[in-house]
Amino acid sequence: MIKWGEIYFVSLDPAKGREQAGKRPVLVVSSDIINAQPLVVTVAAGTDSKNLSRNYPTNIRVTAAESGLPKDTVFLCFQVRSLHHTRFREPIARRVGALPLERMAEVEDALRRVVVL
């Protein structure tokens, strides 16, 4: 089962406009209750940290060592997207790691800045 806090490489195509596109890391931000259903999985898209020289309160910068990713990455919590479960199947996608609870607390704070609750 796909779980909250896990990181996958998935294809985000097709995309439009300024949406993140292509095969890239995503961080699962939907709850495990939702993830267990045959619905969708909500994720924050990631990008190579070299693409962003500044830190923003809606972005979470993680190192390769803590994430399991091949390079340092920034998860863009303003680029939240819901994906069908089939996008997470091998060989289309693969799980690469997960963030610890302390870092997921930072993700939750970033998401609060994006979504009015």
N, C-alpha and C. Protein backbone atom coordinates (compact mmCIF):
# COMPACT_ATOMS: atom_id res chain seq x y z
N MET A 1 0.84 -1.19 0.00
CA MET A 1 0.00 0.00 0.00
C MET A 1 0.88 1.25 0.00
N ILE A 2 0.46 2.24 -0.71
CA ILE A 2 1.13 3.53 -0.74
C ILE A 2 0.85 4.22 0.60
N LYS A 3 1.90 4.82 1.20
CA LYS A 3 1.74 5.41 2.52
C LYS A 3 2.17 6.87 2.55
N TRP A 4 1.54 7.60 3.49
CA TRP A 4 1.85 8.98 3.77
C TRP A 4 3.34 9.11 4.06
N GLY A 5 3.99 10.09 3.45
CA GLY A 5 5.41 10.33 3.70
C GLY A 5 6.35 9.59 2.78
N GLU A 6 5.83 8.66 1.95
CA GLU A 6 6.69 7.93 1.02
C GLU A 6 7.00 8.78 -0.20
N ILE A 7 8.13 8.46 -0.81
CA ILE A 7 8.58 9.17 -2.00
C ILE A 7 8.66 8.17 -3.15
N TYR A 8 8.08 8.55 -4.28
CA TYR A 8 8.06 7.72 -5.48
C TYR A 8 8.56 8.54 -6.66
N PHE A 9 9.10 7.85 -7.66
CA PHE A 9 9.31 8.45 -8.98
C PHE A 9 8.09 8.05 -9.80
N VAL A 10 7.36 9.03 -10.32
CA VAL A 10 6.20 8.77 -11.16
C VAL A 10 6.22 9.72 -12.36
N SER A 11 5.46 9.37 -13.36
CA SER A 11 5.29 10.26 -14.52
C SER A 11 4.11 11.18 -14.25
N LEU A 12 4.35 12.47 -14.38
CA LEU A 12 3.28 13.46 -14.18
C LEU A 12 2.69 13.94 -15.50
N ASP A 13 3.09 13.29 -16.59
CA ASP A 13 2.52 13.64 -17.89
C ASP A 13 1.14 13.02 -18.05
N PRO A 14 0.22 13.65 -18.72
CA PRO A 14 0.35 14.95 -19.36
C PRO A 14 0.23 16.09 -18.34
N ALA A 15 0.88 17.18 -18.63
CA ALA A 15 0.81 18.38 -17.80
C ALA A 15 0.51 19.58 -18.69
N LYS A 16 0.03 20.63 -18.07
CA LYS A 16 -0.28 21.85 -18.82
C LYS A 16 0.35 23.05 -18.12
N GLY A 17 0.68 24.04 -18.91
CA GLY A 17 1.17 25.29 -18.35
C GLY A 17 2.38 25.11 -17.45
N ARG A 18 2.30 25.63 -16.24
CA ARG A 18 3.42 25.62 -15.30
C ARG A 18 3.41 24.41 -14.37
N GLU A 19 2.54 23.44 -14.66
CA GLU A 19 2.54 22.22 -13.85
C GLU A 19 3.86 21.48 -14.02
N GLN A 20 4.29 20.81 -12.97
CA GLN A 20 5.48 19.96 -13.07
C GLN A 20 5.15 18.80 -14.01
N ALA A 21 6.10 18.45 -14.85
CA ALA A 21 5.86 17.43 -15.87
C ALA A 21 7.00 16.42 -15.87
N GLY A 22 6.77 15.33 -16.61
CA GLY A 22 7.79 14.31 -16.77
C GLY A 22 7.87 13.37 -15.58
N LYS A 23 8.87 12.49 -15.63
CA LYS A 23 9.08 11.55 -14.53
C LYS A 23 9.88 12.27 -13.45
N ARG A 24 9.31 12.33 -12.26
CA ARG A 24 9.96 13.08 -11.19
C ARG A 24 9.54 12.53 -9.83
N PRO A 25 10.25 12.93 -8.79
CA PRO A 25 9.88 12.47 -7.46
C PRO A 25 8.62 13.18 -6.97
N VAL A 26 7.81 12.42 -6.26
CA VAL A 26 6.64 12.99 -5.60
C VAL A 26 6.61 12.48 -4.17
N LEU A 27 6.09 13.32 -3.29
CA LEU A 27 5.95 12.99 -1.87
C LEU A 27 4.48 12.79 -1.57
N VAL A 28 4.12 11.64 -1.02
CA VAL A 28 2.72 11.34 -0.72
C VAL A 28 2.30 12.16 0.50
N VAL A 29 1.26 13.00 0.32
CA VAL A 29 0.77 13.85 1.40
C VAL A 29 -0.65 13.50 1.82
N SER A 30 -1.31 12.59 1.10
CA SER A 30 -2.64 12.17 1.52
C SER A 30 -2.53 11.16 2.65
N SER A 31 -3.58 11.08 3.46
CA SER A 31 -3.57 10.19 4.62
C SER A 31 -3.65 8.72 4.19
N ASP A 32 -3.19 7.85 5.06
CA ASP A 32 -3.22 6.42 4.76
C ASP A 32 -4.66 5.90 4.63
N ILE A 33 -5.61 6.55 5.27
CA ILE A 33 -7.02 6.17 5.12
C ILE A 33 -7.45 6.38 3.67
N ILE A 34 -7.07 7.51 3.10
CA ILE A 34 -7.38 7.80 1.69
C ILE A 34 -6.56 6.88 0.79
N ASN A 35 -5.29 6.72 1.08
CA ASN A 35 -4.40 5.91 0.24
C ASN A 35 -4.84 4.46 0.14
N ALA A 36 -5.54 3.96 1.15
CA ALA A 36 -6.00 2.57 1.15
C ALA A 36 -7.22 2.37 0.26
N GLN A 37 -7.86 3.46 -0.14
CA GLN A 37 -9.06 3.38 -0.98
C GLN A 37 -8.67 3.33 -2.46
N PRO A 38 -9.54 2.80 -3.28
CA PRO A 38 -9.26 2.80 -4.73
C PRO A 38 -9.63 4.15 -5.35
N LEU A 39 -9.12 5.22 -4.78
CA LEU A 39 -9.45 6.56 -5.25
C LEU A 39 -8.21 7.16 -5.92
N VAL A 40 -7.67 8.19 -5.33
CA VAL A 40 -6.46 8.84 -5.82
C VAL A 40 -5.50 9.04 -4.66
N VAL A 41 -4.25 9.32 -5.00
CA VAL A 41 -3.21 9.60 -4.02
C VAL A 41 -2.77 11.04 -4.24
N THR A 42 -2.76 11.84 -3.17
CA THR A 42 -2.37 13.24 -3.29
C THR A 42 -0.88 13.37 -2.98
N VAL A 43 -0.18 14.10 -3.85
CA VAL A 43 1.27 14.22 -3.74
C VAL A 43 1.71 15.68 -3.90
N ALA A 44 2.92 15.95 -3.44
CA ALA A 44 3.61 17.20 -3.73
C ALA A 44 4.73 16.85 -4.70
N ALA A 45 4.82 17.60 -5.78
CA ALA A 45 5.83 17.35 -6.81
C ALA A 45 7.20 17.83 -6.34
N GLY A 46 8.22 17.11 -6.76
CA GLY A 46 9.59 17.48 -6.43
C GLY A 46 10.37 17.94 -7.64
N THR A 47 11.42 18.71 -7.39
CA THR A 47 12.30 19.16 -8.44
C THR A 47 13.73 19.16 -7.91
N ASP A 48 14.69 19.10 -8.81
CA ASP A 48 16.11 19.14 -8.44
C ASP A 48 16.38 20.43 -7.66
N SER A 49 17.06 20.33 -6.54
CA SER A 49 17.30 21.51 -5.71
C SER A 49 18.11 22.58 -6.44
N LYS A 50 18.85 22.19 -7.47
CA LYS A 50 19.63 23.16 -8.25
C LYS A 50 18.72 24.13 -9.01
N ASN A 51 17.46 23.74 -9.21
CA ASN A 51 16.51 24.60 -9.93
C ASN A 51 16.02 25.77 -9.09
N LEU A 52 16.20 25.69 -7.76
CA LEU A 52 15.71 26.74 -6.86
C LEU A 52 16.84 27.22 -5.96
N SER A 53 17.29 28.44 -6.18
CA SER A 53 18.39 28.96 -5.37
C SER A 53 17.90 29.52 -4.04
N ARG A 54 16.64 29.90 -3.96
CA ARG A 54 16.06 30.46 -2.72
C ARG A 54 15.15 29.45 -2.06
N ASN A 55 15.01 29.62 -0.76
CA ASN A 55 14.03 28.82 -0.01
C ASN A 55 12.76 29.63 0.15
N TYR A 56 11.63 28.97 0.01
CA TYR A 56 10.32 29.58 0.19
C TYR A 56 9.56 28.79 1.25
N PRO A 57 8.65 29.44 1.97
CA PRO A 57 7.93 28.73 3.04
C PRO A 57 7.00 27.62 2.55
N THR A 58 6.74 27.57 1.25
CA THR A 58 5.88 26.50 0.71
C THR A 58 6.69 25.38 0.08
N ASN A 59 8.00 25.43 0.22
CA ASN A 59 8.88 24.40 -0.34
C ASN A 59 9.65 23.70 0.78
N ILE A 60 9.89 22.41 0.60
CA ILE A 60 10.67 21.63 1.56
C ILE A 60 11.88 21.06 0.85
N ARG A 61 13.05 21.51 1.27
CA ARG A 61 14.32 21.07 0.69
C ARG A 61 14.80 19.85 1.49
N VAL A 62 15.09 18.74 0.79
CA VAL A 62 15.57 17.53 1.44
C VAL A 62 16.86 17.06 0.77
N THR A 63 17.71 16.43 1.56
CA THR A 63 18.96 15.91 1.01
C THR A 63 18.73 14.52 0.44
N ALA A 64 19.63 14.13 -0.43
CA ALA A 64 19.56 12.78 -1.00
C ALA A 64 19.68 11.74 0.11
N ALA A 65 20.54 12.00 1.08
CA ALA A 65 20.77 11.03 2.16
C ALA A 65 19.51 10.76 2.98
N GLU A 66 18.71 11.80 3.26
CA GLU A 66 17.53 11.58 4.09
C GLU A 66 16.31 11.09 3.31
N SER A 67 16.32 11.28 1.99
CA SER A 67 15.13 10.96 1.20
C SER A 67 15.21 9.66 0.42
N GLY A 68 16.43 9.19 0.14
CA GLY A 68 16.60 8.03 -0.72
C GLY A 68 16.66 8.38 -2.19
N LEU A 69 16.55 9.67 -2.50
CA LEU A 69 16.61 10.13 -3.89
C LEU A 69 18.07 10.24 -4.33
N PRO A 70 18.31 10.21 -5.64
CA PRO A 70 19.69 10.29 -6.13
C PRO A 70 20.32 11.68 -5.96
N LYS A 71 19.51 12.72 -5.78
CA LYS A 71 20.05 14.07 -5.59
C LYS A 71 19.18 14.86 -4.64
N ASP A 72 19.74 15.94 -4.12
CA ASP A 72 18.98 16.83 -3.25
C ASP A 72 17.77 17.34 -4.04
N THR A 73 16.64 17.43 -3.35
CA THR A 73 15.36 17.71 -4.00
C THR A 73 14.59 18.75 -3.20
N VAL A 74 13.76 19.51 -3.88
CA VAL A 74 12.83 20.42 -3.23
C VAL A 74 11.42 19.95 -3.57
N PHE A 75 10.62 19.68 -2.53
CA PHE A 75 9.22 19.34 -2.75
C PHE A 75 8.41 20.63 -2.72
N LEU A 76 7.68 20.84 -3.79
CA LEU A 76 6.92 22.07 -4.01
C LEU A 76 5.51 21.86 -3.47
N CYS A 77 5.28 22.29 -2.25
CA CYS A 77 3.98 22.03 -1.62
C CYS A 77 2.86 22.88 -2.20
N PHE A 78 3.18 23.82 -3.08
CA PHE A 78 2.14 24.54 -3.81
C PHE A 78 1.81 23.83 -5.12
N GLN A 79 2.55 22.78 -5.44
CA GLN A 79 2.29 21.95 -6.63
C GLN A 79 1.73 20.61 -6.17
N VAL A 80 0.56 20.66 -5.55
CA VAL A 80 -0.12 19.47 -5.05
C VAL A 80 -1.00 18.92 -6.16
N ARG A 81 -0.97 17.61 -6.28
CA ARG A 81 -1.73 16.97 -7.36
C ARG A 81 -2.25 15.62 -6.89
N SER A 82 -3.43 15.25 -7.32
CA SER A 82 -3.99 13.93 -7.01
C SER A 82 -3.81 13.02 -8.21
N LEU A 83 -3.24 11.84 -7.95
CA LEU A 83 -2.90 10.90 -9.02
C LEU A 83 -3.61 9.58 -8.82
N HIS A 84 -3.98 8.95 -9.92
CA HIS A 84 -4.59 7.63 -9.88
C HIS A 84 -3.56 6.60 -9.42
N HIS A 85 -4.02 5.59 -8.69
CA HIS A 85 -3.13 4.54 -8.16
C HIS A 85 -2.28 3.88 -9.23
N THR A 86 -2.77 3.79 -10.45
CA THR A 86 -2.01 3.09 -11.50
C THR A 86 -0.71 3.82 -11.84
N ARG A 87 -0.60 5.10 -11.52
CA ARG A 87 0.66 5.82 -11.77
C ARG A 87 1.79 5.32 -10.85
N PHE A 88 1.46 4.58 -9.81
CA PHE A 88 2.44 4.14 -8.83
C PHE A 88 2.92 2.70 -9.05
N ARG A 89 2.45 2.05 -10.10
CA ARG A 89 2.82 0.66 -10.36
C ARG A 89 4.15 0.54 -11.09
N GLU A 90 4.91 -0.50 -10.73
CA GLU A 90 6.14 -0.83 -11.46
C GLU A 90 5.74 -1.31 -12.85
N PRO A 91 6.47 -1.13 -13.88
CA PRO A 91 7.71 -0.37 -14.00
C PRO A 91 7.47 1.12 -14.23
N ILE A 92 6.22 1.56 -14.21
CA ILE A 92 5.91 2.97 -14.45
C ILE A 92 6.52 3.84 -13.34
N ALA A 93 6.45 3.35 -12.11
CA ALA A 93 6.90 4.12 -10.96
C ALA A 93 7.70 3.22 -10.03
N ARG A 94 8.42 3.86 -9.11
CA ARG A 94 9.11 3.07 -8.09
C ARG A 94 9.23 3.89 -6.82
N ARG A 95 9.12 3.18 -5.68
CA ARG A 95 9.30 3.80 -4.37
C ARG A 95 10.79 3.96 -4.13
N VAL A 96 11.20 5.15 -3.67
CA VAL A 96 12.62 5.38 -3.44
C VAL A 96 12.95 5.67 -1.98
N GLY A 97 11.97 5.99 -1.18
CA GLY A 97 12.25 6.30 0.22
C GLY A 97 11.05 6.89 0.91
N ALA A 98 11.32 7.49 2.06
CA ALA A 98 10.27 8.13 2.85
C ALA A 98 10.93 9.19 3.73
N LEU A 99 10.17 10.21 4.08
CA LEU A 99 10.68 11.23 4.98
C LEU A 99 10.34 10.89 6.42
N PRO A 100 11.22 11.22 7.36
CA PRO A 100 10.92 10.98 8.77
C PRO A 100 9.80 11.91 9.26
N LEU A 101 9.20 11.54 10.37
CA LEU A 101 8.08 12.30 10.93
C LEU A 101 8.41 13.78 11.12
N GLU A 102 9.63 14.08 11.58
CA GLU A 102 9.99 15.48 11.82
C GLU A 102 9.93 16.30 10.53
N ARG A 103 10.38 15.71 9.44
CA ARG A 103 10.34 16.42 8.15
C ARG A 103 8.91 16.51 7.63
N MET A 104 8.10 15.47 7.88
CA MET A 104 6.70 15.53 7.44
C MET A 104 5.93 16.61 8.20
N ALA A 105 6.34 16.91 9.43
CA ALA A 105 5.72 18.02 10.16
C ALA A 105 6.00 19.33 9.43
N GLU A 106 7.19 19.48 8.86
CA GLU A 106 7.51 20.66 8.06
C GLU A 106 6.66 20.71 6.79
N VAL A 107 6.44 19.55 6.20
CA VAL A 107 5.58 19.48 5.01
C VAL A 107 4.17 19.92 5.36
N GLU A 108 3.66 19.46 6.49
CA GLU A 108 2.31 19.85 6.91
C GLU A 108 2.23 21.37 7.10
N ASP A 109 3.26 21.98 7.69
CA ASP A 109 3.27 23.44 7.85
C ASP A 109 3.25 24.14 6.49
N ALA A 110 4.04 23.63 5.55
CA ALA A 110 4.08 24.22 4.21
C ALA A 110 2.72 24.09 3.52
N LEU A 111 2.07 22.94 3.68
CA LEU A 111 0.75 22.75 3.07
C LEU A 111 -0.28 23.70 3.68
N ARG A 112 -0.16 23.98 4.98
CA ARG A 112 -1.08 24.93 5.62
C ARG A 112 -0.93 26.33 5.02
N ARG A 113 0.26 26.67 4.57
CA ARG A 113 0.47 27.98 3.96
C ARG A 113 -0.18 28.06 2.57
N VAL A 114 -0.41 26.89 1.97
CA VAL A 114 -0.99 26.84 0.63
C VAL A 114 -2.51 26.73 0.69
N VAL A 115 -3.00 25.89 1.59
CA VAL A 115 -4.43 25.60 1.69
C VAL A 115 -5.01 26.24 2.94
N VAL A 116 -6.05 26.97 2.79
CA VAL A 116 -6.71 27.59 3.94
C VAL A 116 -7.59 26.53 4.60
N LEU A 117 -7.31 26.24 5.85
CA LEU A 117 -8.07 25.21 6.58
C LEU A 117 -8.99 25.84 7.59
